[in-house]
Amino acid sequence: MHPEHGDQIPGLNRIEGQVKGIKRMIEERRYCVDILTQLKAAKAALHKVEQGVLKRHMQHCLKNAVESKNEVEIQEKIDELMQLLVKRV
């Protein structure tokens, strides 16, 4: 069973609002630096949500794999995290 991430919804709602605001700024041809500032804020907010999901994954999914003592499952969880961490976006 996967962990609950419902506590991330308020942050995602704020991000959604930020992105709509950025879109509006672009449509209104606002100053570039103001748009970039808002983009950085949205990126930071996404990073915060990402960290929350990652932390919960480690506390729940990875911990359960370790407690199972199933070496294959443990290695799968480690490999998943390593692929995610080294992936460039």
N, C-alpha and C. Protein backbone atom coordinates (compact mmCIF):
# COMPACT_ATOMS: atom_id res chain seq x y z
N MET A 1 0.85 -1.19 0.00
CA MET A 1 0.00 0.00 0.00
C MET A 1 0.89 1.25 0.00
N HIS A 2 0.47 2.23 -0.77
CA HIS A 2 1.26 3.46 -0.89
C HIS A 2 0.89 4.45 0.21
N PRO A 3 1.84 5.28 0.62
CA PRO A 3 1.55 6.25 1.68
C PRO A 3 0.62 7.36 1.19
N GLU A 4 0.03 8.05 2.12
CA GLU A 4 -0.89 9.16 1.86
C GLU A 4 -0.07 10.44 1.65
N HIS A 5 -0.40 11.18 0.61
CA HIS A 5 0.29 12.44 0.33
C HIS A 5 -0.67 13.62 0.30
N GLY A 6 -1.85 13.42 0.87
CA GLY A 6 -2.87 14.46 0.85
C GLY A 6 -2.44 15.78 1.46
N ASP A 7 -1.47 15.72 2.37
CA ASP A 7 -1.00 16.96 3.00
C ASP A 7 -0.23 17.85 2.02
N GLN A 8 0.07 17.33 0.84
CA GLN A 8 0.77 18.12 -0.18
C GLN A 8 -0.21 18.93 -1.05
N ILE A 9 -1.50 18.64 -0.95
CA ILE A 9 -2.50 19.31 -1.79
C ILE A 9 -2.50 20.83 -1.61
N PRO A 10 -2.46 21.36 -0.39
CA PRO A 10 -2.45 22.82 -0.26
C PRO A 10 -1.25 23.47 -0.98
N GLY A 11 -0.11 22.84 -0.88
CA GLY A 11 1.07 23.36 -1.58
C GLY A 11 0.89 23.32 -3.09
N LEU A 12 0.32 22.23 -3.58
CA LEU A 12 0.07 22.12 -5.01
C LEU A 12 -0.98 23.14 -5.47
N ASN A 13 -1.96 23.41 -4.63
CA ASN A 13 -2.95 24.44 -4.97
C ASN A 13 -2.29 25.81 -5.07
N ARG A 14 -1.36 26.10 -4.16
CA ARG A 14 -0.63 27.38 -4.21
C ARG A 14 0.20 27.45 -5.49
N ILE A 15 0.85 26.36 -5.83
CA ILE A 15 1.66 26.32 -7.05
C ILE A 15 0.78 26.55 -8.27
N GLU A 16 -0.37 25.92 -8.29
CA GLU A 16 -1.31 26.11 -9.40
C GLU A 16 -1.67 27.59 -9.54
N GLY A 17 -1.91 28.24 -8.41
CA GLY A 17 -2.21 29.67 -8.44
C GLY A 17 -1.02 30.48 -8.93
N GLN A 18 0.18 30.10 -8.49
CA GLN A 18 1.38 30.80 -8.94
C GLN A 18 1.54 30.68 -10.45
N VAL A 19 1.34 29.49 -10.99
CA VAL A 19 1.51 29.27 -12.43
C VAL A 19 0.47 30.08 -13.21
N LYS A 20 -0.76 30.11 -12.72
CA LYS A 20 -1.77 30.94 -13.38
C LYS A 20 -1.37 32.41 -13.35
N GLY A 21 -0.81 32.84 -12.22
CA GLY A 21 -0.34 34.22 -12.11
C GLY A 21 0.80 34.51 -13.08
N ILE A 22 1.70 33.57 -13.23
CA ILE A 22 2.82 33.73 -14.17
C ILE A 22 2.29 33.83 -15.60
N LYS A 23 1.35 32.97 -15.91
CA LYS A 23 0.74 33.01 -17.25
C LYS A 23 0.12 34.38 -17.50
N ARG A 24 -0.59 34.89 -16.51
CA ARG A 24 -1.21 36.20 -16.63
C ARG A 24 -0.16 37.30 -16.82
N MET A 25 0.94 37.19 -16.07
CA MET A 25 2.03 38.16 -16.20
C MET A 25 2.59 38.16 -17.62
N ILE A 26 2.74 36.99 -18.19
CA ILE A 26 3.27 36.88 -19.56
C ILE A 26 2.27 37.47 -20.55
N GLU A 27 1.00 37.14 -20.36
CA GLU A 27 -0.03 37.69 -21.24
C GLU A 27 -0.08 39.22 -21.16
N GLU A 28 0.19 39.76 -19.98
CA GLU A 28 0.17 41.21 -19.78
C GLU A 28 1.51 41.86 -20.13
N ARG A 29 2.44 41.05 -20.59
CA ARG A 29 3.78 41.52 -21.00
C ARG A 29 4.48 42.28 -19.88
N ARG A 30 4.46 41.67 -18.70
CA ARG A 30 5.10 42.27 -17.52
C ARG A 30 6.62 42.18 -17.65
N TYR A 31 7.30 42.87 -16.78
CA TYR A 31 8.76 42.96 -16.78
C TYR A 31 9.38 41.58 -16.58
N CYS A 32 10.38 41.27 -17.39
CA CYS A 32 11.02 39.95 -17.41
C CYS A 32 11.49 39.50 -16.03
N VAL A 33 12.14 40.38 -15.30
CA VAL A 33 12.68 40.00 -13.99
C VAL A 33 11.56 39.67 -13.01
N ASP A 34 10.44 40.36 -13.12
CA ASP A 34 9.30 40.04 -12.26
C ASP A 34 8.77 38.63 -12.58
N ILE A 35 8.71 38.30 -13.86
CA ILE A 35 8.26 36.97 -14.27
C ILE A 35 9.26 35.92 -13.78
N LEU A 36 10.53 36.19 -13.97
CA LEU A 36 11.56 35.24 -13.53
C LEU A 36 11.51 35.03 -12.02
N THR A 37 11.25 36.08 -11.28
CA THR A 37 11.14 35.97 -9.82
C THR A 37 10.00 35.04 -9.45
N GLN A 38 8.88 35.17 -10.12
CA GLN A 38 7.74 34.31 -9.84
C GLN A 38 8.00 32.87 -10.28
N LEU A 39 8.71 32.70 -11.38
CA LEU A 39 9.08 31.35 -11.82
C LEU A 39 9.97 30.67 -10.78
N LYS A 40 10.92 31.42 -10.23
CA LYS A 40 11.80 30.84 -9.20
C LYS A 40 11.00 30.47 -7.96
N ALA A 41 10.02 31.29 -7.60
CA ALA A 41 9.18 31.00 -6.43
C ALA A 41 8.37 29.72 -6.67
N ALA A 42 7.81 29.57 -7.86
CA ALA A 42 7.04 28.37 -8.18
C ALA A 42 7.95 27.14 -8.18
N LYS A 43 9.14 27.30 -8.71
CA LYS A 43 10.10 26.19 -8.73
C LYS A 43 10.46 25.78 -7.30
N ALA A 44 10.67 26.75 -6.43
CA ALA A 44 11.00 26.45 -5.03
C ALA A 44 9.83 25.75 -4.34
N ALA A 45 8.61 26.18 -4.64
CA ALA A 45 7.44 25.55 -4.05
C ALA A 45 7.30 24.10 -4.53
N LEU A 46 7.55 23.85 -5.80
CA LEU A 46 7.53 22.48 -6.33
C LEU A 46 8.60 21.62 -5.65
N HIS A 47 9.76 22.20 -5.44
CA HIS A 47 10.84 21.48 -4.77
C HIS A 47 10.42 21.08 -3.35
N LYS A 48 9.73 21.98 -2.67
CA LYS A 48 9.27 21.69 -1.31
C LYS A 48 8.29 20.52 -1.31
N VAL A 49 7.36 20.49 -2.27
CA VAL A 49 6.42 19.37 -2.38
C VAL A 49 7.19 18.09 -2.71
N GLU A 50 8.14 18.20 -3.64
CA GLU A 50 8.95 17.04 -4.01
C GLU A 50 9.66 16.46 -2.78
N GLN A 51 10.24 17.32 -1.97
CA GLN A 51 10.95 16.86 -0.78
C GLN A 51 10.01 16.17 0.20
N GLY A 52 8.79 16.70 0.32
CA GLY A 52 7.81 16.08 1.21
C GLY A 52 7.42 14.68 0.75
N VAL A 53 7.21 14.52 -0.56
CA VAL A 53 6.86 13.21 -1.11
C VAL A 53 8.04 12.25 -0.96
N LEU A 54 9.23 12.74 -1.22
CA LEU A 54 10.43 11.90 -1.08
C LEU A 54 10.61 11.45 0.37
N LYS A 55 10.43 12.37 1.29
CA LYS A 55 10.59 12.02 2.71
C LYS A 55 9.58 10.95 3.11
N ARG A 56 8.33 11.12 2.70
CA ARG A 56 7.30 10.13 3.03
C ARG A 56 7.63 8.79 2.38
N HIS A 57 8.16 8.81 1.16
CA HIS A 57 8.54 7.57 0.48
C HIS A 57 9.62 6.84 1.28
N MET A 58 10.58 7.59 1.75
CA MET A 58 11.66 6.97 2.51
C MET A 58 11.16 6.45 3.86
N GLN A 59 10.28 7.21 4.49
CA GLN A 59 9.76 6.81 5.80
C GLN A 59 8.81 5.62 5.70
N HIS A 60 8.15 5.46 4.56
CA HIS A 60 7.16 4.40 4.43
C HIS A 60 7.65 3.27 3.53
N CYS A 61 7.84 3.56 2.26
CA CYS A 61 8.15 2.50 1.29
C CYS A 61 9.53 1.90 1.50
N LEU A 62 10.54 2.75 1.63
CA LEU A 62 11.89 2.23 1.84
C LEU A 62 12.00 1.54 3.20
N LYS A 63 11.43 2.15 4.22
CA LYS A 63 11.47 1.55 5.56
C LYS A 63 10.80 0.19 5.56
N ASN A 64 9.64 0.07 4.90
CA ASN A 64 8.95 -1.23 4.83
C ASN A 64 9.79 -2.28 4.12
N ALA A 65 10.47 -1.87 3.06
CA ALA A 65 11.33 -2.81 2.34
C ALA A 65 12.46 -3.30 3.24
N VAL A 66 13.06 -2.38 3.97
CA VAL A 66 14.16 -2.77 4.87
C VAL A 66 13.65 -3.70 5.97
N GLU A 67 12.49 -3.35 6.53
CA GLU A 67 11.94 -4.18 7.60
C GLU A 67 11.53 -5.57 7.11
N SER A 68 11.21 -5.69 5.82
CA SER A 68 10.83 -7.00 5.27
C SER A 68 12.03 -7.94 5.16
N LYS A 69 13.21 -7.35 5.16
CA LYS A 69 14.46 -8.10 5.01
C LYS A 69 14.54 -8.83 3.67
N ASN A 70 13.72 -8.41 2.72
CA ASN A 70 13.72 -8.98 1.37
C ASN A 70 14.76 -8.20 0.57
N GLU A 71 15.89 -8.84 0.32
CA GLU A 71 17.01 -8.16 -0.34
C GLU A 71 16.64 -7.64 -1.72
N VAL A 72 15.82 -8.36 -2.45
CA VAL A 72 15.41 -7.93 -3.80
C VAL A 72 14.57 -6.66 -3.69
N GLU A 73 13.62 -6.66 -2.78
CA GLU A 73 12.76 -5.48 -2.58
C GLU A 73 13.58 -4.27 -2.12
N ILE A 74 14.50 -4.50 -1.21
CA ILE A 74 15.36 -3.41 -0.71
C ILE A 74 16.15 -2.82 -1.87
N GLN A 75 16.76 -3.69 -2.67
CA GLN A 75 17.57 -3.21 -3.79
C GLN A 75 16.71 -2.46 -4.81
N GLU A 76 15.49 -2.93 -5.04
CA GLU A 76 14.59 -2.24 -5.97
C GLU A 76 14.31 -0.82 -5.50
N LYS A 77 14.04 -0.67 -4.21
CA LYS A 77 13.75 0.67 -3.65
C LYS A 77 14.99 1.57 -3.74
N ILE A 78 16.14 1.03 -3.46
CA ILE A 78 17.38 1.81 -3.56
C ILE A 78 17.62 2.23 -5.00
N ASP A 79 17.44 1.28 -5.93
CA ASP A 79 17.65 1.57 -7.35
C ASP A 79 16.68 2.64 -7.85
N GLU A 80 15.42 2.55 -7.42
CA GLU A 80 14.43 3.57 -7.79
C GLU A 80 14.87 4.96 -7.35
N LEU A 81 15.30 5.05 -6.11
CA LEU A 81 15.74 6.34 -5.58
C LEU A 81 16.99 6.85 -6.30
N MET A 82 17.92 5.96 -6.56
CA MET A 82 19.14 6.39 -7.25
C MET A 82 18.83 6.88 -8.65
N GLN A 83 17.96 6.19 -9.38
CA GLN A 83 17.57 6.64 -10.72
C GLN A 83 16.91 8.01 -10.66
N LEU A 84 16.07 8.20 -9.67
CA LEU A 84 15.39 9.48 -9.52
C LEU A 84 16.38 10.59 -9.18
N LEU A 85 17.30 10.32 -8.29
CA LEU A 85 18.24 11.35 -7.84
C LEU A 85 19.25 11.76 -8.89
N VAL A 86 19.63 10.82 -9.77
CA VAL A 86 20.63 11.17 -10.79
C VAL A 86 20.00 11.66 -12.08
N LYS A 87 18.68 11.54 -12.19
CA LYS A 87 17.97 11.97 -13.40
C LYS A 87 17.99 13.49 -13.49
N ARG A 88 18.38 13.97 -14.66
CA ARG A 88 18.39 15.42 -14.90
C ARG A 88 17.12 15.80 -15.62
N VAL A 89 16.58 16.93 -15.21
CA VAL A 89 15.34 17.41 -15.83
C VAL A 89 15.64 18.59 -16.72
